[in-house]
Amino acid sequence: MCSWTESWYYLSIFSTESSIETTKQNPNYVGFKPVTIGQRDGVEFHLQADADLVRCFVALPAAQGAIWLSVDTKLALKPEGSTCELTQHYANLLDQRLPS
């Protein structure tokens, strides 16, 4: 896992052995929407308990399972933009550097 911080949010990148299909079966994650990042078909989603979308995920397929990126609003701060738009922005920016 790697993470970076900005004024109001964190960007995190995770590698997991779980496939995107396995993630879709997890009831803790909801709101799945297809996204295309570079040449990869991935999904955007969020935590079931996060109706305000203070944290958004993008999962991309990879040989070992999936790569997840997320933008998470810092505690006690309000989002200054869309966490989902930012997550997709970083996924596009970093796609060529992420394992496939």
C-alpha atoms as a PDB file:
ATOM      1  CA  MET A   1       0.000   0.000   0.000  1.00  0.00           C
ATOM      2  CA  CYS A   2       1.098   3.516  -0.799  1.00  0.00           C
ATOM      3  CA  SER A   3      -0.559   6.751   0.189  1.00  0.00           C
ATOM      4  CA  TRP A   4      -0.156  10.472  -0.333  1.00  0.00           C
ATOM      5  CA  THR A   5      -1.830  13.430   1.272  1.00  0.00           C
ATOM      6  CA  GLU A   6      -3.264  16.660  -0.054  1.00  0.00           C
ATOM      7  CA  SER A   7      -4.945  19.526   1.780  1.00  0.00           C
ATOM      8  CA  TRP A   8      -8.297  17.788   2.374  1.00  0.00           C
ATOM      9  CA  TYR A   9      -7.825  14.171   1.250  1.00  0.00           C
ATOM     10  CA  TYR A  10      -5.613  11.105   1.089  1.00  0.00           C
ATOM     11  CA  LEU A  11      -4.861   9.089  -2.045  1.00  0.00           C
ATOM     12  CA  SER A  12      -4.155   5.409  -1.393  1.00  0.00           C
ATOM     13  CA  ILE A  13      -3.192   2.554  -3.707  1.00  0.00           C
ATOM     14  CA  PHE A  14      -3.657  -1.083  -2.694  1.00  0.00           C
ATOM     15  CA  SER A  15      -2.859  -4.402  -4.323  1.00  0.00           C
ATOM     16  CA  THR A  16      -5.179  -7.314  -3.561  1.00  0.00           C
ATOM     17  CA  GLU A  17      -5.508 -10.948  -4.544  1.00  0.00           C
ATOM     18  CA  SER A  18      -9.303 -10.524  -4.631  1.00  0.00           C
ATOM     19  CA  SER A  19     -10.779 -10.135  -8.087  1.00  0.00           C
ATOM     20  CA  ILE A  20     -13.223  -7.399  -8.993  1.00  0.00           C
ATOM     21  CA  GLU A  21     -15.986 -10.023  -9.126  1.00  0.00           C
ATOM     22  CA  THR A  22     -15.183 -11.094  -5.554  1.00  0.00           C
ATOM     23  CA  THR A  23     -15.306  -7.462  -4.437  1.00  0.00           C
ATOM     24  CA  LYS A  24     -18.745  -7.044  -6.046  1.00  0.00           C
ATOM     25  CA  GLN A  25     -20.025  -9.918  -3.898  1.00  0.00           C
ATOM     26  CA  ASN A  26     -18.916  -8.210  -0.670  1.00  0.00           C
ATOM     27  CA  PRO A  27     -21.979  -6.520   0.916  1.00  0.00           C
ATOM     28  CA  ASN A  28     -19.752  -3.821   2.455  1.00  0.00           C
ATOM     29  CA  TYR A  29     -19.183  -2.351  -1.019  1.00  0.00           C
ATOM     30  CA  VAL A  30     -21.950  -0.833  -3.164  1.00  0.00           C
ATOM     31  CA  GLY A  31     -22.627   1.584  -6.002  1.00  0.00           C
ATOM     32  CA  PHE A  32     -20.572  -0.270  -8.600  1.00  0.00           C
ATOM     33  CA  LYS A  33     -20.195   1.648 -11.858  1.00  0.00           C
ATOM     34  CA  PRO A  34     -18.087   0.578 -14.830  1.00  0.00           C
ATOM     35  CA  VAL A  35     -15.080   2.780 -15.630  1.00  0.00           C
ATOM     36  CA  THR A  36     -12.457   2.566 -18.345  1.00  0.00           C
ATOM     37  CA  ILE A  37      -8.968   3.550 -17.290  1.00  0.00           C
ATOM     38  CA  GLY A  38      -6.479   3.388 -20.149  1.00  0.00           C
ATOM     39  CA  GLN A  39      -7.072  -0.026 -21.716  1.00  0.00           C
ATOM     40  CA  ARG A  40      -8.579  -1.545 -18.551  1.00  0.00           C
ATOM     41  CA  ASP A  41     -12.221  -2.019 -17.692  1.00  0.00           C
ATOM     42  CA  GLY A  42     -12.583  -1.437 -13.976  1.00  0.00           C
ATOM     43  CA  VAL A  43     -15.218  -0.367 -11.471  1.00  0.00           C
ATOM     44  CA  GLU A  44     -15.888   2.586  -9.208  1.00  0.00           C
ATOM     45  CA  PHE A  45     -17.570   1.883  -5.861  1.00  0.00           C
ATOM     46  CA  HIS A  46     -17.864   2.976  -2.246  1.00  0.00           C
ATOM     47  CA  LEU A  47     -18.509   1.624   1.219  1.00  0.00           C
ATOM     48  CA  GLN A  48     -22.123   0.737   1.992  1.00  0.00           C
ATOM     49  CA  ALA A  49     -22.022   2.944   5.105  1.00  0.00           C
ATOM     50  CA  ASP A  50     -20.680   5.946   3.134  1.00  0.00           C
ATOM     51  CA  ALA A  51     -23.762   7.616   1.660  1.00  0.00           C
ATOM     52  CA  ASP A  52     -21.929  10.976   1.476  1.00  0.00           C
ATOM     53  CA  LEU A  53     -19.088   9.512  -0.614  1.00  0.00           C
ATOM     54  CA  VAL A  54     -16.318  10.819   1.600  1.00  0.00           C
ATOM     55  CA  ARG A  55     -14.275   7.903   0.209  1.00  0.00           C
ATOM     56  CA  CYS A  56     -14.408   6.496  -3.300  1.00  0.00           C
ATOM     57  CA  PHE A  57     -12.627   3.488  -4.807  1.00  0.00           C
ATOM     58  CA  VAL A  58     -11.596   2.467  -8.313  1.00  0.00           C
ATOM     59  CA  ALA A  59     -10.572  -1.159  -8.831  1.00  0.00           C
ATOM     60  CA  LEU A  60      -8.620  -2.242 -11.898  1.00  0.00           C
ATOM     61  CA  PRO A  61      -7.920  -5.824 -12.945  1.00  0.00           C
ATOM     62  CA  ALA A  62      -4.355  -7.056 -12.485  1.00  0.00           C
ATOM     63  CA  ALA A  63      -2.584 -10.405 -12.774  1.00  0.00           C
ATOM     64  CA  GLN A  64      -2.630 -11.030  -9.014  1.00  0.00           C
ATOM     65  CA  GLY A  65      -6.276  -9.902  -8.586  1.00  0.00           C
ATOM     66  CA  ALA A  66      -6.836  -6.142  -8.598  1.00  0.00           C
ATOM     67  CA  ILE A  67      -5.298  -2.761  -7.911  1.00  0.00           C
ATOM     68  CA  TRP A  68      -7.456  -0.408  -5.858  1.00  0.00           C
ATOM     69  CA  LEU A  69      -7.099   3.348  -5.725  1.00  0.00           C
ATOM     70  CA  SER A  70      -9.075   5.465  -3.290  1.00  0.00           C
ATOM     71  CA  VAL A  71      -9.486   9.086  -2.340  1.00  0.00           C
ATOM     72  CA  ASP A  72     -10.584   9.524   1.258  1.00  0.00           C
ATOM     73  CA  THR A  73     -11.562  12.820   2.868  1.00  0.00           C
ATOM     74  CA  LYS A  74      -9.474  13.668   5.928  1.00  0.00           C
ATOM     75  CA  LEU A  75     -11.284  13.268   9.225  1.00  0.00           C
ATOM     76  CA  ALA A  76     -13.304  16.324  10.301  1.00  0.00           C
ATOM     77  CA  LEU A  77     -12.951  17.987   6.885  1.00  0.00           C
ATOM     78  CA  LYS A  78     -15.585  18.381   4.225  1.00  0.00           C
ATOM     79  CA  PRO A  79     -14.829  17.277   0.668  1.00  0.00           C
ATOM     80  CA  GLU A  80     -13.796  20.180  -1.540  1.00  0.00           C
ATOM     81  CA  GLY A  81     -14.642  18.175  -4.641  1.00  0.00           C
ATOM     82  CA  SER A  82     -15.840  14.775  -5.785  1.00  0.00           C
ATOM     83  CA  THR A  83     -13.804  11.944  -4.300  1.00  0.00           C
ATOM     84  CA  CYS A  84     -14.904   9.726  -7.196  1.00  0.00           C
ATOM     85  CA  GLU A  85     -13.764  12.219  -9.836  1.00  0.00           C
ATOM     86  CA  LEU A  86     -10.410  12.540  -8.072  1.00  0.00           C
ATOM     87  CA  THR A  87      -9.988   8.776  -7.795  1.00  0.00           C
ATOM     88  CA  GLN A  88     -10.627   8.382 -11.519  1.00  0.00           C
ATOM     89  CA  HIS A  89      -8.259  11.272 -12.265  1.00  0.00           C
ATOM     90  CA  TYR A  90      -5.424   9.606 -10.354  1.00  0.00           C
ATOM     91  CA  ALA A  91      -6.215   6.194 -11.845  1.00  0.00           C
ATOM     92  CA  ASN A  92      -5.863   7.674 -15.335  1.00  0.00           C
ATOM     93  CA  LEU A  93      -2.720   9.571 -14.375  1.00  0.00           C
ATOM     94  CA  LEU A  94      -1.010   6.503 -12.855  1.00  0.00           C
ATOM     95  CA  ASP A  95      -2.422   3.721 -15.071  1.00  0.00           C
ATOM     96  CA  GLN A  96       0.778   3.127 -17.054  1.00  0.00           C
ATOM     97  CA  ARG A  97       2.745   2.763 -13.812  1.00  0.00           C
ATOM     98  CA  LEU A  98       0.366   0.300 -12.118  1.00  0.00           C
ATOM     99  CA  PRO A  99       0.761  -3.487 -12.413  1.00  0.00           C
ATOM    100  CA  SER A 100      -1.447  -5.097 -15.006  1.00  0.00           C
END
